[in-house]
């Protein structure tokens, strides 16, 4: 079964209070609050998710619009994530000189 892509509005909250909007599509779903989201190589933290639902036949509901509010990570948060991801990038333990784990 192939899911249809979900159209999202990504709202990046800048440090000066301004907002930057991007239209994106997702085939894996809507990110949750406090989840990390990568745009290009820059990590962002999801701070709020808003849905607009419409009622369909037989009580079905469909998402009409989704707004995902994110903010850039601080320098401390980025270094903490890098420390947590470093063992994963190194590969499985006990695999010296072998091909990378996939």
N, C-alpha and C. Protein backbone atom coordinates (compact mmCIF):
# COMPACT_ATOMS: atom_id res chain seq x y z
N UNK A 1 0.83 -1.17 0.00
CA UNK A 1 0.00 0.00 0.00
C UNK A 1 0.88 1.24 0.00
N UNK A 2 0.61 2.15 -0.91
CA UNK A 2 1.43 3.34 -1.06
C UNK A 2 0.68 4.54 -0.51
N UNK A 3 1.24 5.22 0.46
CA UNK A 3 0.59 6.37 1.08
C UNK A 3 0.83 7.61 0.23
N UNK A 4 -0.19 8.44 0.15
CA UNK A 4 -0.06 9.71 -0.57
C UNK A 4 0.79 10.66 0.25
N UNK A 5 1.58 11.49 -0.42
CA UNK A 5 2.40 12.44 0.34
C UNK A 5 1.53 13.46 1.07
N UNK A 6 1.99 13.87 2.24
CA UNK A 6 1.31 14.88 3.05
C UNK A 6 2.00 16.21 2.78
N UNK A 7 1.21 17.24 2.51
CA UNK A 7 1.76 18.57 2.27
C UNK A 7 1.84 19.31 3.60
N UNK A 8 3.03 19.78 3.94
CA UNK A 8 3.28 20.46 5.20
C UNK A 8 3.76 21.89 4.94
N UNK A 9 3.45 22.77 5.86
CA UNK A 9 4.06 24.10 5.86
C UNK A 9 5.06 24.10 7.01
N UNK A 10 6.33 24.23 6.67
CA UNK A 10 7.40 24.28 7.67
C UNK A 10 7.64 25.74 8.00
N UNK A 11 7.45 26.11 9.26
CA UNK A 11 7.63 27.49 9.71
C UNK A 11 8.85 27.52 10.62
N UNK A 12 9.92 28.16 10.16
CA UNK A 12 11.15 28.26 10.93
C UNK A 12 11.08 29.55 11.75
N UNK A 13 11.13 29.40 13.06
CA UNK A 13 11.10 30.55 13.97
C UNK A 13 12.53 31.05 14.16
N UNK A 14 12.79 32.26 13.71
CA UNK A 14 14.13 32.85 13.80
C UNK A 14 14.35 33.44 15.19
N UNK A 15 15.61 33.64 15.55
CA UNK A 15 15.94 34.20 16.87
C UNK A 15 15.41 35.62 17.04
N UNK A 16 15.28 36.38 15.95
CA UNK A 16 14.80 37.75 16.05
C UNK A 16 13.28 37.85 16.07
N UNK A 17 12.57 36.71 16.06
CA UNK A 17 11.12 36.70 16.11
C UNK A 17 10.45 36.59 14.76
N UNK A 18 11.22 36.71 13.68
CA UNK A 18 10.63 36.59 12.34
C UNK A 18 10.39 35.12 12.01
N UNK A 19 9.63 34.89 10.94
CA UNK A 19 9.30 33.53 10.52
C UNK A 19 9.65 33.34 9.06
N UNK A 20 10.10 32.14 8.74
CA UNK A 20 10.44 31.78 7.37
C UNK A 20 9.61 30.55 7.03
N UNK A 21 8.82 30.62 5.95
CA UNK A 21 7.92 29.52 5.61
C UNK A 21 8.41 28.76 4.38
N UNK A 22 8.25 27.43 4.43
CA UNK A 22 8.61 26.55 3.32
C UNK A 22 7.50 25.52 3.14
N UNK A 23 7.15 25.22 1.91
CA UNK A 23 6.20 24.15 1.62
C UNK A 23 7.01 22.87 1.37
N UNK A 24 6.70 21.81 2.08
CA UNK A 24 7.40 20.54 1.91
C UNK A 24 6.38 19.41 1.81
N UNK A 25 6.82 18.26 1.31
CA UNK A 25 5.99 17.07 1.25
C UNK A 25 6.66 15.97 2.06
N UNK A 26 5.84 15.15 2.69
CA UNK A 26 6.36 14.04 3.48
C UNK A 26 5.58 12.79 3.13
N UNK A 27 6.29 11.71 2.89
CA UNK A 27 5.64 10.42 2.67
C UNK A 27 5.73 9.54 3.90
N UNK A 28 6.43 10.01 4.95
CA UNK A 28 6.59 9.22 6.17
C UNK A 28 5.73 9.72 7.31
N UNK A 29 5.00 10.82 7.12
CA UNK A 29 4.11 11.29 8.15
C UNK A 29 4.47 12.66 8.66
N UNK A 30 3.81 13.05 9.72
CA UNK A 30 3.98 14.37 10.33
C UNK A 30 4.92 14.23 11.52
N UNK A 31 5.94 15.08 11.62
CA UNK A 31 6.83 14.98 12.79
C UNK A 31 6.11 15.34 14.08
N UNK A 32 6.58 14.78 15.18
CA UNK A 32 5.99 15.04 16.49
C UNK A 32 6.72 16.17 17.19
N UNK A 33 6.05 16.72 18.21
CA UNK A 33 6.66 17.77 19.02
C UNK A 33 7.91 17.22 19.69
N UNK A 34 8.95 18.01 19.78
CA UNK A 34 10.28 17.72 20.34
C UNK A 34 11.08 16.74 19.48
N UNK A 35 10.61 16.43 18.29
CA UNK A 35 11.36 15.55 17.38
C UNK A 35 12.37 16.39 16.61
N UNK A 36 13.50 15.77 16.25
CA UNK A 36 14.48 16.45 15.42
C UNK A 36 14.08 16.32 13.97
N UNK A 37 14.33 17.37 13.20
CA UNK A 37 14.01 17.38 11.79
C UNK A 37 15.19 18.02 11.07
N UNK A 38 15.65 17.41 10.00
CA UNK A 38 16.77 17.96 9.24
C UNK A 38 16.25 18.60 7.96
N UNK A 39 16.70 19.81 7.69
CA UNK A 39 16.44 20.49 6.41
C UNK A 39 17.81 20.77 5.83
N UNK A 40 18.11 20.12 4.72
CA UNK A 40 19.46 20.08 4.17
C UNK A 40 20.36 19.44 5.21
N UNK A 41 21.39 20.11 5.66
CA UNK A 41 22.28 19.54 6.68
C UNK A 41 22.08 20.20 8.05
N UNK A 42 21.08 21.04 8.17
CA UNK A 42 20.85 21.79 9.40
C UNK A 42 19.77 21.13 10.25
N UNK A 43 20.07 20.78 11.51
CA UNK A 43 19.03 20.19 12.37
C UNK A 43 18.14 21.24 13.00
N UNK A 44 16.86 20.91 13.12
CA UNK A 44 15.88 21.78 13.74
C UNK A 44 15.11 20.96 14.77
N UNK A 45 14.54 21.64 15.76
CA UNK A 45 13.72 21.01 16.78
C UNK A 45 12.27 21.42 16.55
N UNK A 46 11.37 20.44 16.49
CA UNK A 46 9.95 20.72 16.30
C UNK A 46 9.40 21.23 17.63
N UNK A 47 8.82 22.43 17.61
CA UNK A 47 8.29 23.01 18.85
C UNK A 47 6.77 22.97 18.90
N UNK A 48 6.11 22.89 17.75
CA UNK A 48 4.64 22.83 17.73
C UNK A 48 4.18 22.29 16.38
N UNK A 49 3.07 21.56 16.40
CA UNK A 49 2.46 21.02 15.18
C UNK A 49 0.97 21.35 15.23
N UNK A 50 0.46 21.94 14.16
CA UNK A 50 -0.96 22.29 14.08
C UNK A 50 -1.60 21.54 12.91
N UNK A 51 -2.82 21.05 13.12
CA UNK A 51 -3.56 20.32 12.10
C UNK A 51 -4.87 21.04 11.81
N UNK A 52 -5.30 20.97 10.56
CA UNK A 52 -6.65 21.39 10.19
C UNK A 52 -7.31 20.15 9.60
N UNK A 53 -8.35 19.65 10.28
CA UNK A 53 -9.03 18.43 9.86
C UNK A 53 -10.36 18.76 9.22
N UNK A 54 -10.76 17.92 8.26
CA UNK A 54 -12.10 18.06 7.68
C UNK A 54 -12.82 16.73 7.84
N UNK A 55 -14.11 16.83 8.08
CA UNK A 55 -14.96 15.64 8.24
C UNK A 55 -15.36 15.12 6.87
N UNK A 56 -15.25 13.80 6.70
CA UNK A 56 -15.65 13.17 5.46
C UNK A 56 -16.86 12.28 5.67
N UNK A 57 -17.12 11.45 4.68
CA UNK A 57 -18.23 10.51 4.77
C UNK A 57 -17.95 9.45 5.83
N UNK A 58 -18.98 8.97 6.47
CA UNK A 58 -18.91 7.88 7.45
C UNK A 58 -17.98 8.18 8.62
N UNK A 59 -17.86 9.45 8.97
CA UNK A 59 -17.05 9.83 10.12
C UNK A 59 -15.56 9.87 9.86
N UNK A 60 -15.12 9.70 8.63
CA UNK A 60 -13.69 9.79 8.33
C UNK A 60 -13.21 11.22 8.45
N UNK A 61 -11.96 11.37 8.84
CA UNK A 61 -11.35 12.70 8.91
C UNK A 61 -10.13 12.73 8.02
N UNK A 62 -9.91 13.87 7.38
CA UNK A 62 -8.75 14.04 6.51
C UNK A 62 -8.01 15.30 6.94
N UNK A 63 -6.68 15.27 6.81
CA UNK A 63 -5.88 16.45 7.12
C UNK A 63 -5.92 17.38 5.94
N UNK A 64 -6.42 18.58 6.14
CA UNK A 64 -6.42 19.60 5.09
C UNK A 64 -5.11 20.37 5.07
N UNK A 65 -4.60 20.67 6.24
CA UNK A 65 -3.36 21.44 6.33
C UNK A 65 -2.62 21.06 7.59
N UNK A 66 -1.31 21.11 7.50
CA UNK A 66 -0.46 20.82 8.65
C UNK A 66 0.60 21.91 8.72
N UNK A 67 0.75 22.54 9.88
CA UNK A 67 1.80 23.51 10.10
C UNK A 67 2.77 22.98 11.13
N UNK A 68 4.05 22.96 10.78
CA UNK A 68 5.10 22.44 11.67
C UNK A 68 6.01 23.61 12.02
N UNK A 69 6.02 24.00 13.29
CA UNK A 69 6.87 25.09 13.76
C UNK A 69 8.17 24.51 14.29
N UNK A 70 9.30 25.02 13.81
CA UNK A 70 10.61 24.51 14.23
C UNK A 70 11.51 25.69 14.60
N UNK A 71 12.56 25.38 15.35
CA UNK A 71 13.59 26.37 15.65
C UNK A 71 14.95 25.71 15.47
N UNK A 72 15.94 26.54 15.18
CA UNK A 72 17.31 26.03 15.05
C UNK A 72 17.81 25.61 16.42
N UNK A 73 18.70 24.65 16.43
CA UNK A 73 19.29 24.19 17.68
C UNK A 73 20.38 25.15 18.13
N UNK A 74 20.56 25.25 19.43
CA UNK A 74 21.65 26.05 19.97
C UNK A 74 22.96 25.30 19.79
N UNK A 75 24.05 25.99 19.99
CA UNK A 75 25.37 25.36 19.85
C UNK A 75 25.52 24.20 20.84
N UNK A 76 25.00 24.37 22.07
CA UNK A 76 25.09 23.31 23.07
C UNK A 76 24.27 22.09 22.66
N UNK A 77 23.07 22.33 22.12
CA UNK A 77 22.23 21.22 21.67
C UNK A 77 22.87 20.47 20.51
N UNK A 78 23.49 21.21 19.58
CA UNK A 78 24.17 20.57 18.45
C UNK A 78 25.32 19.68 18.92
N UNK A 79 26.11 20.16 19.89
CA UNK A 79 27.24 19.36 20.37
C UNK A 79 26.74 18.13 21.13
N UNK A 80 25.63 18.26 21.86
CA UNK A 80 25.08 17.11 22.57
C UNK A 80 24.58 16.05 21.59
N UNK A 81 23.96 16.47 20.51
CA UNK A 81 23.50 15.52 19.49
C UNK A 81 24.68 14.86 18.79
N UNK A 82 25.72 15.63 18.51
CA UNK A 82 26.91 15.06 17.88
C UNK A 82 27.53 13.99 18.76
N UNK A 83 27.57 14.23 20.08
CA UNK A 83 28.12 13.21 21.00
C UNK A 83 27.25 11.94 20.99
N UNK A 84 25.93 12.12 20.94
CA UNK A 84 25.02 10.96 20.94
C UNK A 84 25.11 10.17 19.64
N UNK A 85 25.35 10.86 18.51
CA UNK A 85 25.39 10.18 17.22
C UNK A 85 26.77 9.63 16.87
N UNK A 86 27.82 10.05 17.58
CA UNK A 86 29.18 9.61 17.27
C UNK A 86 29.34 8.09 17.31
N UNK A 87 28.82 7.38 18.32
CA UNK A 87 28.97 5.91 18.31
C UNK A 87 28.26 5.26 17.12
N UNK A 88 27.16 5.81 16.69
CA UNK A 88 26.45 5.24 15.53
C UNK A 88 27.25 5.43 14.25
N UNK A 89 27.93 6.57 14.13
CA UNK A 89 28.73 6.83 12.94
C UNK A 89 29.98 5.95 12.90
N UNK A 90 30.47 5.54 14.08
CA UNK A 90 31.68 4.71 14.15
C UNK A 90 31.42 3.28 13.71
N UNK A 91 30.18 2.84 13.72
CA UNK A 91 29.86 1.48 13.32
C UNK A 91 29.73 0.57 14.53
N UNK A 92 29.36 -0.69 14.28
CA UNK A 92 29.20 -1.63 15.39
C UNK A 92 30.52 -1.96 16.05
N UNK A 93 30.46 -2.24 17.36
CA UNK A 93 31.68 -2.58 18.10
C UNK A 93 32.19 -3.95 17.67
N UNK A 94 33.51 -4.09 17.70
CA UNK A 94 34.12 -5.37 17.35
C UNK A 94 34.28 -5.56 15.86
N UNK A 95 34.11 -4.54 15.07
CA UNK A 95 34.23 -4.64 13.63
C UNK A 95 35.40 -3.79 13.14
N UNK A 96 36.61 -4.23 13.43
CA UNK A 96 37.79 -3.46 13.06
C UNK A 96 38.17 -3.78 11.61
N UNK A 97 38.24 -2.74 10.81
CA UNK A 97 38.73 -2.89 9.45
C UNK A 97 37.74 -3.46 8.46
N UNK A 98 36.56 -3.79 8.86
CA UNK A 98 35.58 -4.35 7.96
C UNK A 98 34.82 -3.26 7.22
N UNK A 99 33.94 -3.69 6.34
CA UNK A 99 33.12 -2.69 5.63
C UNK A 99 32.15 -2.01 6.60
N UNK A 100 31.70 -0.80 6.26
CA UNK A 100 30.78 -0.09 7.16
C UNK A 100 29.46 -0.82 7.30
N UNK A 101 28.86 -0.70 8.47
CA UNK A 101 27.56 -1.34 8.74
C UNK A 101 26.46 -0.59 8.00
N UNK A 102 25.59 -1.31 7.32
CA UNK A 102 24.49 -0.68 6.58
C UNK A 102 23.18 -1.26 7.04
